[in-house]
PDB file of N, CA and C in Angstrom:
ATOM      1  N   UNK A   1     147.467  90.927 157.207  1.00  0.00           N
ATOM      2  CA  UNK A   1     147.083  89.582 156.889  1.00  0.00           C
ATOM      3  C   UNK A   1     146.992  88.736 158.159  1.00  0.00           C
ATOM      4  N   UNK A   2     147.968  88.874 159.048  1.00  0.00           N
ATOM      5  CA  UNK A   2     147.959  88.112 160.296  1.00  0.00           C
ATOM      6  C   UNK A   2     146.755  88.497 161.138  1.00  0.00           C
ATOM      7  N   UNK A   3     146.432  89.777 161.135  1.00  0.00           N
ATOM      8  CA  UNK A   3     145.305  90.260 161.930  1.00  0.00           C
ATOM      9  C   UNK A   3     143.985  89.625 161.469  1.00  0.00           C
ATOM     10  N   UNK A   4     143.798  89.487 160.170  1.00  0.00           N
ATOM     11  CA  UNK A   4     142.553  88.935 159.646  1.00  0.00           C
ATOM     12  C   UNK A   4     142.525  87.420 159.619  1.00  0.00           C
ATOM     13  N   UNK A   5     143.661  86.800 159.317  1.00  0.00           N
ATOM     14  CA  UNK A   5     143.682  85.356 159.104  1.00  0.00           C
ATOM     15  C   UNK A   5     144.252  84.563 160.277  1.00  0.00           C
ATOM     16  N   UNK A   6     145.022  85.225 161.131  1.00  0.00           N
ATOM     17  CA  UNK A   6     145.759  84.508 162.166  1.00  0.00           C
ATOM     18  C   UNK A   6     147.130  84.129 161.624  1.00  0.00           C
ATOM     19  N   UNK A   7     148.080  83.927 162.506  1.00  0.00           N
ATOM     20  CA  UNK A   7     149.476  83.709 162.107  1.00  0.00           C
ATOM     21  C   UNK A   7     149.659  82.465 161.243  1.00  0.00           C
ATOM     22  N   UNK A   8     149.077  81.353 161.654  1.00  0.00           N
ATOM     23  CA  UNK A   8     149.272  80.090 160.930  1.00  0.00           C
ATOM     24  C   UNK A   8     148.670  80.158 159.529  1.00  0.00           C
ATOM     25  N   UNK A   9     147.456  80.652 159.407  1.00  0.00           N
ATOM     26  CA  UNK A   9     146.796  80.731 158.114  1.00  0.00           C
ATOM     27  C   UNK A   9     147.446  81.788 157.223  1.00  0.00           C
ATOM     28  N   UNK A  10     147.906  82.890 157.793  1.00  0.00           N
ATOM     29  CA  UNK A  10     148.592  83.924 157.018  1.00  0.00           C
ATOM     30  C   UNK A  10     149.890  83.372 156.430  1.00  0.00           C
ATOM     31  N   UNK A  11     150.604  82.567 157.188  1.00  0.00           N
ATOM     32  CA  UNK A  11     151.842  81.957 156.691  1.00  0.00           C
ATOM     33  C   UNK A  11     151.535  80.982 155.555  1.00  0.00           C
ATOM     34  N   UNK A  12     150.491  80.194 155.685  1.00  0.00           N
ATOM     35  CA  UNK A  12     150.096  79.256 154.628  1.00  0.00           C
ATOM     36  C   UNK A  12     149.664  80.031 153.385  1.00  0.00           C
ATOM     37  N   UNK A  13     148.970  81.153 153.565  1.00  0.00           N
ATOM     38  CA  UNK A  13     148.570  82.006 152.446  1.00  0.00           C
ATOM     39  C   UNK A  13     149.799  82.525 151.708  1.00  0.00           C
ATOM     40  N   UNK A  14     150.796  83.000 152.449  1.00  0.00           N
ATOM     41  CA  UNK A  14     152.048  83.471 151.835  1.00  0.00           C
ATOM     42  C   UNK A  14     152.713  82.352 151.041  1.00  0.00           C
ATOM     43  N   UNK A  15     152.738  81.159 151.633  1.00  0.00           N
ATOM     44  CA  UNK A  15     153.349  80.004 150.974  1.00  0.00           C
ATOM     45  C   UNK A  15     152.629  79.683 149.659  1.00  0.00           C
ATOM     46  N   UNK A  16     151.311  79.664 149.687  1.00  0.00           N
ATOM     47  CA  UNK A  16     150.547  79.367 148.475  1.00  0.00           C
ATOM     48  C   UNK A  16     150.763  80.453 147.414  1.00  0.00           C
ATOM     49  N   UNK A  17     150.823  81.719 147.818  1.00  0.00           N
ATOM     50  CA  UNK A  17     151.088  82.798 146.865  1.00  0.00           C
ATOM     51  C   UNK A  17     152.445  82.616 146.199  1.00  0.00           C
ATOM     52  N   UNK A  18     153.457  82.232 146.965  1.00  0.00           N
ATOM     53  CA  UNK A  18     154.789  81.997 146.390  1.00  0.00           C
ATOM     54  C   UNK A  18     154.747  80.838 145.401  1.00  0.00           C
ATOM     55  N   UNK A  19     154.030  79.760 145.744  1.00  0.00           N
ATOM     56  CA  UNK A  19     153.911  78.622 144.834  1.00  0.00           C
ATOM     57  C   UNK A  19     153.211  79.025 143.540  1.00  0.00           C
ATOM     58  N   UNK A  20     152.135  79.786 143.663  1.00  0.00           N
ATOM     59  CA  UNK A  20     151.397  80.230 142.476  1.00  0.00           C
ATOM     60  C   UNK A  20     152.233  81.158 141.612  1.00  0.00           C
ATOM     61  N   UNK A  21     152.977  82.062 142.244  1.00  0.00           N
ATOM     62  CA  UNK A  21     153.830  82.992 141.478  1.00  0.00           C
ATOM     63  C   UNK A  21     154.953  82.255 140.763  1.00  0.00           C
ATOM     64  N   UNK A  22     155.491  81.211 141.393  1.00  0.00           N
ATOM     65  CA  UNK A  22     156.615  80.469 140.822  1.00  0.00           C
ATOM     66  C   UNK A  22     156.192  79.560 139.666  1.00  0.00           C
ATOM     67  N   UNK A  23     154.953  79.185 139.613  1.00  0.00           N
ATOM     68  CA  UNK A  23     154.467  78.271 138.575  1.00  0.00           C
ATOM     69  C   UNK A  23     154.392  78.977 137.228  1.00  0.00           C
ATOM     70  N   UNK A  24     154.824  78.284 136.189  1.00  0.00           N
ATOM     71  CA  UNK A  24     154.686  78.832 134.840  1.00  0.00           C
ATOM     72  C   UNK A  24     153.258  78.694 134.346  1.00  0.00           C
ATOM     73  N   UNK A  25     152.589  77.641 134.800  1.00  0.00           N
ATOM     74  CA  UNK A  25     151.197  77.386 134.414  1.00  0.00           C
ATOM     75  C   UNK A  25     150.482  76.761 135.599  1.00  0.00           C
ATOM     76  N   UNK A  26     149.178  76.831 135.595  1.00  0.00           N
ATOM     77  CA  UNK A  26     148.387  76.282 136.694  1.00  0.00           C
ATOM     78  C   UNK A  26     148.633  74.785 136.873  1.00  0.00           C
ATOM     79  N   UNK A  27     148.931  74.080 135.789  1.00  0.00           N
ATOM     80  CA  UNK A  27     149.191  72.641 135.885  1.00  0.00           C
ATOM     81  C   UNK A  27     150.439  72.325 136.710  1.00  0.00           C
ATOM     82  N   UNK A  28     151.303  73.310 136.956  1.00  0.00           N
ATOM     83  CA  UNK A  28     152.499  73.104 137.775  1.00  0.00           C
ATOM     84  C   UNK A  28     152.182  72.989 139.265  1.00  0.00           C
ATOM     85  N   UNK A  29     151.000  73.407 139.664  1.00  0.00           N
ATOM     86  CA  UNK A  29     150.602  73.331 141.072  1.00  0.00           C
ATOM     87  C   UNK A  29     150.052  71.929 141.329  1.00  0.00           C
ATOM     88  N   UNK A  30     150.543  71.314 142.364  1.00  0.00           N
ATOM     89  CA  UNK A  30     150.195  69.925 142.656  1.00  0.00           C
ATOM     90  C   UNK A  30     148.709  69.724 142.934  1.00  0.00           C
ATOM     91  N   UNK A  31     148.183  68.630 142.377  1.00  0.00           N
ATOM     92  CA  UNK A  31     146.814  68.217 142.676  1.00  0.00           C
ATOM     93  C   UNK A  31     146.794  67.344 143.924  1.00  0.00           C
ATOM     94  N   UNK A  32     147.965  67.054 144.457  1.00  0.00           N
ATOM     95  CA  UNK A  32     148.111  66.224 145.646  1.00  0.00           C
ATOM     96  C   UNK A  32     148.429  67.108 146.840  1.00  0.00           C
ATOM     97  N   UNK A  33     148.246  66.588 148.053  1.00  0.00           N
ATOM     98  CA  UNK A  33     148.616  67.380 149.236  1.00  0.00           C
ATOM     99  C   UNK A  33     150.081  67.781 149.137  1.00  0.00           C
ATOM    100  N   UNK A  34     150.481  68.932 149.644  1.00  0.00           N
ATOM    101  CA  UNK A  34     149.710  69.785 150.522  1.00  0.00           C
ATOM    102  C   UNK A  34     148.815  70.791 149.804  1.00  0.00           C
ATOM    103  N   UNK A  35     149.132  71.170 148.556  1.00  0.00           N
ATOM    104  CA  UNK A  35     148.322  72.220 147.911  1.00  0.00           C
ATOM    105  C   UNK A  35     146.939  71.715 147.506  1.00  0.00           C
ATOM    106  N   UNK A  36     146.890  70.528 146.951  1.00  0.00           N
ATOM    107  CA  UNK A  36     145.631  69.910 146.507  1.00  0.00           C
ATOM    108  C   UNK A  36     144.821  70.866 145.625  1.00  0.00           C
ATOM    109  N   UNK A  37     145.469  71.340 144.583  1.00  0.00           N
ATOM    110  CA  UNK A  37     144.811  72.251 143.646  1.00  0.00           C
ATOM    111  C   UNK A  37     143.780  71.479 142.835  1.00  0.00           C
ATOM    112  N   UNK A  38     142.560  71.977 142.833  1.00  0.00           N
ATOM    113  CA  UNK A  38     141.514  71.324 142.056  1.00  0.00           C
ATOM    114  C   UNK A  38     140.429  72.326 141.677  1.00  0.00           C
ATOM    115  N   UNK A  39     139.711  71.970 140.631  1.00  0.00           N
ATOM    116  CA  UNK A  39     138.629  72.817 140.153  1.00  0.00           C
ATOM    117  C   UNK A  39     137.333  72.418 140.844  1.00  0.00           C
ATOM    118  N   UNK A  40     136.590  73.413 141.309  1.00  0.00           N
ATOM    119  CA  UNK A  40     135.282  73.163 141.897  1.00  0.00           C
ATOM    120  C   UNK A  40     134.280  73.010 140.762  1.00  0.00           C
ATOM    121  N   UNK A  41     133.330  72.112 140.944  1.00  0.00           N
ATOM    122  CA  UNK A  41     132.468  71.754 139.818  1.00  0.00           C
ATOM    123  C   UNK A  41     130.986  71.984 140.039  1.00  0.00           C
ATOM    124  N   UNK A  42     130.613  72.457 141.211  1.00  0.00           N
ATOM    125  CA  UNK A  42     129.173  72.588 141.441  1.00  0.00           C
ATOM    126  C   UNK A  42     128.800  73.957 141.990  1.00  0.00           C
ATOM    127  N   UNK A  43     127.542  74.300 141.798  1.00  0.00           N
ATOM    128  CA  UNK A  43     126.987  75.531 142.356  1.00  0.00           C
ATOM    129  C   UNK A  43     127.632  76.784 141.814  1.00  0.00           C
ATOM    130  N   UNK A  44     127.583  77.818 142.629  1.00  0.00           N
ATOM    131  CA  UNK A  44     128.116  79.114 142.203  1.00  0.00           C
ATOM    132  C   UNK A  44     129.629  79.108 142.043  1.00  0.00           C
ATOM    133  N   UNK A  45     130.303  78.082 142.595  1.00  0.00           N
ATOM    134  CA  UNK A  45     131.757  77.995 142.501  1.00  0.00           C
ATOM    135  C   UNK A  45     132.251  77.201 141.298  1.00  0.00           C
ATOM    136  N   UNK A  46     131.354  76.697 140.480  1.00  0.00           N
ATOM    137  CA  UNK A  46     131.767  75.916 139.314  1.00  0.00           C
ATOM    138  C   UNK A  46     132.737  76.733 138.462  1.00  0.00           C
ATOM    139  N   UNK A  47     133.874  76.139 138.121  1.00  0.00           N
ATOM    140  CA  UNK A  47     134.889  76.829 137.327  1.00  0.00           C
ATOM    141  C   UNK A  47     135.941  77.520 138.157  1.00  0.00           C
ATOM    142  N   UNK A  48     135.709  77.636 139.462  1.00  0.00           N
ATOM    143  CA  UNK A  48     136.675  78.229 140.377  1.00  0.00           C
ATOM    144  C   UNK A  48     137.666  77.154 140.798  1.00  0.00           C
ATOM    145  N   UNK A  49     138.921  77.540 141.000  1.00  0.00           N
ATOM    146  CA  UNK A  49     139.936  76.607 141.486  1.00  0.00           C
ATOM    147  C   UNK A  49     140.176  76.859 142.966  1.00  0.00           C
ATOM    148  N   UNK A  50     140.654  75.816 143.643  1.00  0.00           N
ATOM    149  CA  UNK A  50     140.846  75.861 145.081  1.00  0.00           C
ATOM    150  C   UNK A  50     142.181  75.229 145.446  1.00  0.00           C
ATOM    151  N   UNK A  51     142.903  75.846 146.389  1.00  0.00           N
ATOM    152  CA  UNK A  51     144.066  75.219 147.006  1.00  0.00           C
ATOM    153  C   UNK A  51     143.890  75.302 148.509  1.00  0.00           C
ATOM    154  N   UNK A  52     144.360  74.287 149.195  1.00  0.00           N
ATOM    155  CA  UNK A  52     144.230  74.225 150.646  1.00  0.00           C
ATOM    156  C   UNK A  52     145.108  75.249 151.340  1.00  0.00           C
ATOM    157  N   UNK A  53     144.555  75.868 152.382  1.00  0.00           N
ATOM    158  CA  UNK A  53     145.348  76.684 153.294  1.00  0.00           C
ATOM    159  C   UNK A  53     145.538  75.931 154.608  1.00  0.00           C
ATOM    160  N   UNK A  54     144.458  75.336 155.087  1.00  0.00           N
ATOM    161  CA  UNK A  54     144.516  74.478 156.278  1.00  0.00           C
ATOM    162  C   UNK A  54     143.356  73.494 156.190  1.00  0.00           C
ATOM    163  N   UNK A  55     143.047  72.818 157.265  1.00  0.00           N
ATOM    164  CA  UNK A  55     141.988  71.811 157.243  1.00  0.00           C
ATOM    165  C   UNK A  55     140.645  72.386 156.823  1.00  0.00           C
ATOM    166  N   UNK A  56     140.419  73.638 157.105  1.00  0.00           N
ATOM    167  CA  UNK A  56     139.106  74.240 156.903  1.00  0.00           C
ATOM    168  C   UNK A  56     139.046  75.206 155.727  1.00  0.00           C
ATOM    169  N   UNK A  57     140.064  76.039 155.550  1.00  0.00           N
ATOM    170  CA  UNK A  57     139.982  77.136 154.591  1.00  0.00           C
ATOM    171  C   UNK A  57     140.730  76.874 153.297  1.00  0.00           C
ATOM    172  N   UNK A  58     140.194  77.460 152.225  1.00  0.00           N
ATOM    173  CA  UNK A  58     140.753  77.325 150.884  1.00  0.00           C
ATOM    174  C   UNK A  58     140.976  78.704 150.264  1.00  0.00           C
ATOM    175  N   UNK A  59     142.009  78.791 149.445  1.00  0.00           N
ATOM    176  CA  UNK A  59     142.268  79.964 148.629  1.00  0.00           C
ATOM    177  C   UNK A  59     141.579  79.695 147.291  1.00  0.00           C
ATOM    178  N   UNK A  60     140.644  80.561 146.919  1.00  0.00           N
ATOM    179  CA  UNK A  60     139.870  80.378 145.696  1.00  0.00           C
ATOM    180  C   UNK A  60     140.319  81.380 144.636  1.00  0.00           C
ATOM    181  N   UNK A  61     140.387  80.907 143.386  1.00  0.00           N
ATOM    182  CA  UNK A  61     140.809  81.779 142.292  1.00  0.00           C
ATOM    183  C   UNK A  61     140.229  81.279 140.979  1.00  0.00           C
ATOM    184  N   UNK A  62     140.250  82.168 140.002  1.00  0.00           N
ATOM    185  CA  UNK A  62     139.758  81.839 138.664  1.00  0.00           C
ATOM    186  C   UNK A  62     140.861  82.140 137.651  1.00  0.00           C
ATOM    187  N   UNK A  63     140.842  81.470 136.499  1.00  0.00           N
ATOM    188  CA  UNK A  63     141.791  81.818 135.444  1.00  0.00           C
ATOM    189  C   UNK A  63     141.527  83.250 134.971  1.00  0.00           C
ATOM    190  N   UNK A  64     142.589  84.008 134.745  1.00  0.00           N
ATOM    191  CA  UNK A  64     142.434  85.395 134.311  1.00  0.00           C
ATOM    192  C   UNK A  64     142.987  85.614 132.905  1.00  0.00           C
ATOM    193  N   UNK A  65     143.374  84.534 132.234  1.00  0.00           N
ATOM    194  CA  UNK A  65     143.838  84.661 130.855  1.00  0.00           C
ATOM    195  C   UNK A  65     142.677  85.152 129.984  1.00  0.00           C
ATOM    196  N   UNK A  66     143.010  85.945 128.977  1.00  0.00           N
ATOM    197  CA  UNK A  66     141.973  86.440 128.078  1.00  0.00           C
ATOM    198  C   UNK A  66     142.375  86.097 126.656  1.00  0.00           C
ATOM    199  N   UNK A  67     141.757  85.092 126.076  1.00  0.00           N
ATOM    200  CA  UNK A  67     140.637  84.302 126.582  1.00  0.00           C
ATOM    201  C   UNK A  67     141.126  83.162 127.484  1.00  0.00           C
ATOM    202  N   UNK A  68     140.223  82.634 128.285  1.00  0.00           N
ATOM    203  CA  UNK A  68     140.533  81.474 129.122  1.00  0.00           C
ATOM    204  C   UNK A  68     140.793  80.289 128.186  1.00  0.00           C
ATOM    205  N   UNK A  69     141.915  79.581 128.374  1.00  0.00           N
ATOM    206  CA  UNK A  69     142.217  78.456 127.486  1.00  0.00           C
ATOM    207  C   UNK A  69     141.416  77.202 127.839  1.00  0.00           C
ATOM    208  N   UNK A  70     140.796  76.619 126.848  1.00  0.00           N
ATOM    209  CA  UNK A  70     140.024  75.386 127.026  1.00  0.00           C
ATOM    210  C   UNK A  70     140.682  74.265 126.237  1.00  0.00           C
ATOM    211  N   UNK A  71     140.520  73.028 126.728  1.00  0.00           N
ATOM    212  CA  UNK A  71     141.024  71.875 125.995  1.00  0.00           C
ATOM    213  C   UNK A  71     139.945  71.357 125.047  1.00  0.00           C
ATOM    214  N   UNK A  72     140.255  70.297 124.326  1.00  0.00           N
ATOM    215  CA  UNK A  72     139.327  69.752 123.326  1.00  0.00           C
ATOM    216  C   UNK A  72     138.036  69.225 123.931  1.00  0.00           C
ATOM    217  N   UNK A  73     138.065  68.854 125.219  1.00  0.00           N
ATOM    218  CA  UNK A  73     136.871  68.339 125.894  1.00  0.00           C
ATOM    219  C   UNK A  73     136.002  69.447 126.482  1.00  0.00           C
ATOM    220  N   UNK A  74     136.434  70.696 126.347  1.00  0.00           N
ATOM    221  CA  UNK A  74     135.661  71.820 126.866  1.00  0.00           C
ATOM    222  C   UNK A  74     136.035  72.230 128.280  1.00  0.00           C
ATOM    223  N   UNK A  75     136.983  71.527 128.898  1.00  0.00           N
ATOM    224  CA  UNK A  75     137.450  71.901 130.236  1.00  0.00           C
ATOM    225  C   UNK A  75     138.557  72.934 130.157  1.00  0.00           C
ATOM    226  N   UNK A  76     138.873  73.546 131.260  1.00  0.00           N
ATOM    227  CA  UNK A  76     139.945  74.536 131.297  1.00  0.00           C
ATOM    228  C   UNK A  76     141.284  73.817 131.162  1.00  0.00           C
ATOM    229  N   UNK A  77     142.115  74.272 130.240  1.00  0.00           N
ATOM    230  CA  UNK A  77     143.427  73.679 129.990  1.00  0.00           C
ATOM    231  C   UNK A  77     144.429  74.298 130.966  1.00  0.00           C
ATOM    232  N   UNK A  78     144.646  73.628 132.086  1.00  0.00           N
ATOM    233  CA  UNK A  78     145.494  74.191 133.144  1.00  0.00           C
ATOM    234  C   UNK A  78     146.947  74.348 132.705  1.00  0.00           C
ATOM    235  N   UNK A  79     147.373  73.604 131.692  1.00  0.00           N
ATOM    236  CA  UNK A  79     148.737  73.746 131.180  1.00  0.00           C
ATOM    237  C   UNK A  79     148.923  75.074 130.447  1.00  0.00           C
ATOM    238  N   UNK A  80     147.823  75.719 130.085  1.00  0.00           N
ATOM    239  CA  UNK A  80     147.900  76.998 129.369  1.00  0.00           C
ATOM    240  C   UNK A  80     147.437  78.186 130.211  1.00  0.00           C
ATOM    241  N   UNK A  81     146.973  77.935 131.428  1.00  0.00           N
ATOM    242  CA  UNK A  81     146.572  79.036 132.318  1.00  0.00           C
ATOM    243  C   UNK A  81     147.833  79.660 132.896  1.00  0.00           C
ATOM    244  N   UNK A  82     148.079  80.917 132.560  1.00  0.00           N
ATOM    245  CA  UNK A  82     149.280  81.639 132.994  1.00  0.00           C
ATOM    246  C   UNK A  82     148.975  82.748 134.003  1.00  0.00           C
ATOM    247  N   UNK A  83     147.699  83.127 134.088  1.00  0.00           N
ATOM    248  CA  UNK A  83     147.293  84.191 135.001  1.00  0.00           C
ATOM    249  C   UNK A  83     146.066  83.750 135.775  1.00  0.00           C
ATOM    250  N   UNK A  84     146.025  84.166 137.048  1.00  0.00           N
ATOM    251  CA  UNK A  84     144.851  83.873 137.870  1.00  0.00           C
ATOM    252  C   UNK A  84     144.418  85.135 138.594  1.00  0.00           C
ATOM    253  N   UNK A  85     143.179  85.126 139.044  1.00  0.00           N
ATOM    254  CA  UNK A  85     142.644  86.197 139.894  1.00  0.00           C
ATOM    255  C   UNK A  85     142.141  85.545 141.171  1.00  0.00           C
ATOM    256  N   UNK A  86     142.734  85.917 142.291  1.00  0.00           N
ATOM    257  CA  UNK A  86     142.301  85.386 143.583  1.00  0.00           C
ATOM    258  C   UNK A  86     140.982  86.049 143.936  1.00  0.00           C
ATOM    259  N   UNK A  87     139.982  85.232 144.267  1.00  0.00           N
ATOM    260  CA  UNK A  87     138.662  85.767 144.548  1.00  0.00           C
ATOM    261  C   UNK A  87     138.348  85.829 146.033  1.00  0.00           C
ATOM    262  N   UNK A  88     138.818  84.843 146.798  1.00  0.00           N
ATOM    263  CA  UNK A  88     138.552  84.884 148.243  1.00  0.00           C
ATOM    264  C   UNK A  88     139.235  83.739 148.980  1.00  0.00           C
ATOM    265  N   UNK A  89     139.180  83.837 150.290  1.00  0.00           N
ATOM    266  CA  UNK A  89     139.581  82.761 151.186  1.00  0.00           C
ATOM    267  C   UNK A  89     138.341  82.415 151.992  1.00  0.00           C
ATOM    268  N   UNK A  90     137.965  81.121 151.980  1.00  0.00           N
ATOM    269  CA  UNK A  90     136.797  80.738 152.774  1.00  0.00           C
ATOM    270  C   UNK A  90     136.737  79.234 152.987  1.00  0.00           C
ATOM    271  N   UNK A  91     135.860  78.848 153.868  1.00  0.00           N
ATOM    272  CA  UNK A  91     135.554  77.455 154.128  1.00  0.00           C
ATOM    273  C   UNK A  91     134.568  77.027 153.043  1.00  0.00           C
ATOM    274  N   UNK A  92     135.024  76.280 152.042  1.00  0.00           N
ATOM    275  CA  UNK A  92     134.162  75.904 150.924  1.00  0.00           C
ATOM    276  C   UNK A  92     133.112  74.878 151.308  1.00  0.00           C
ATOM    277  N   UNK A  93     133.286  74.217 152.431  1.00  0.00           N
ATOM    278  CA  UNK A  93     132.301  73.229 152.854  1.00  0.00           C
ATOM    279  C   UNK A  93     131.113  73.853 153.591  1.00  0.00           C
ATOM    280  N   UNK A  94     131.296  75.060 154.075  1.00  0.00           N
ATOM    281  CA  UNK A  94     130.210  75.766 154.767  1.00  0.00           C
ATOM    282  C   UNK A  94     129.578  76.837 153.914  1.00  0.00           C
ATOM    283  N   UNK A  95     130.332  77.310 152.910  1.00  0.00           N
ATOM    284  CA  UNK A  95     129.807  78.345 152.037  1.00  0.00           C
ATOM    285  C   UNK A  95     129.984  79.755 152.593  1.00  0.00           C
ATOM    286  N   UNK A  96     130.482  79.897 153.814  1.00  0.00           N
ATOM    287  CA  UNK A  96     130.664  81.217 154.409  1.00  0.00           C
ATOM    288  C   UNK A  96     132.007  81.795 154.124  1.00  0.00           C
ATOM    289  N   UNK A  97     132.168  83.067 154.449  1.00  0.00           N
ATOM    290  CA  UNK A  97     133.459  83.741 154.252  1.00  0.00           C
ATOM    291  C   UNK A  97     134.288  83.637 155.498  1.00  0.00           C
TER     292      UNK A  97
END
């Protein structure tokens, strides 16, 4: 992990993994800094969730519950999301990996 991400980003990745594992539901992860967990809403990433790793890179994941829990408004009910699948780490503002 350090070899691919660098020491600082690898440590932040470990920290985010521990936070995600400790949460009972996705709603337990803060929408405020430092994690700033939020759902992406546009383009190919619509429906994907993002948490900050550093100023540039984000850890991206999707709900893995089967079925994915939705609220009455049709959005994903983060209080009922118990499983996630990490899809990638990337700079979401550039679109690259």
